[in-house]
């Protein structure tokens, strides 16, 4: 298993989750 590839996949997942979370928080404020 390539740890670098796994790290990139995990980073993309976290980034996507973070974007959804920040968007949801901003949406709830307005």
Protein backbone atom coordinates (compact mmCIF):
# COMPACT_ATOMS: atom_id res chain seq x y z
CA UNK A 1 0.00 0.00 0.00
CA UNK A 2 1.37 3.38 -1.00
CA UNK A 3 1.25 5.66 2.03
CA UNK A 4 1.68 8.78 -0.11
CA UNK A 5 -1.38 7.98 -2.20
CA UNK A 6 -3.34 7.20 0.96
CA UNK A 7 -2.31 10.53 2.48
CA UNK A 8 -3.44 12.43 -0.60
CA UNK A 9 -6.79 10.63 -0.64
CA UNK A 10 -7.28 11.35 3.06
CA UNK A 11 -6.32 14.99 2.58
CA UNK A 12 -8.84 15.37 -0.25
CA UNK A 13 -11.56 13.80 1.89
CA UNK A 14 -10.77 16.11 4.80
CA UNK A 15 -10.70 19.12 2.50
CA UNK A 16 -14.08 18.18 1.04
CA UNK A 17 -15.55 17.65 4.50
CA UNK A 18 -14.09 20.95 5.72
CA UNK A 19 -15.54 22.80 2.72
CA UNK A 20 -18.99 21.30 3.37
CA UNK A 21 -18.72 22.18 7.05
CA UNK A 22 -17.69 25.81 6.46
CA UNK A 23 -20.34 26.21 3.76
CA UNK A 24 -22.98 24.76 6.08
CA UNK A 25 -21.92 27.06 8.92
CA UNK A 26 -22.01 30.12 6.66
CA UNK A 27 -25.41 29.04 5.33
CA UNK A 28 -26.80 28.67 8.85
CA UNK A 29 -25.61 32.17 9.80
CA UNK A 30 -27.60 33.81 7.00
